């Protein structure tokens, strides 16, 4: 498996609803796409449920064909797609002219380089 999902035990009372945060830890780089969520009911996983995620993107209206379509033409939904990279992008900055406050209350112009 390319992704580790932490298991969670959640107990709900009658008519109770709760938001649950799911954590995915990718093991390699690539495109991570969340397609569904699966959960089990009862301790022995006697009932297993699966909810696929199939969301439409925004409706396309650029061409006459797209506007005239009865069912609509939609772009891909990218909300559940994540590009996983092996290293994080870094930002270096050089800020000049930042005043440095001295202990005696005077200021001196300094520069910072990262």
Foldseek 3Di string as FASTA:
>chain_A
DQKDKDDDDDDDDPPDDDDDDIDIDGNAWDKFAQFWDKDAPDDVSPDIDIGGDDDFADFDDPDPVQVPDPVTDTDHDCPRIDGDDPDDDDDWDKDWQDWDQDPVGDTDTDIDTD
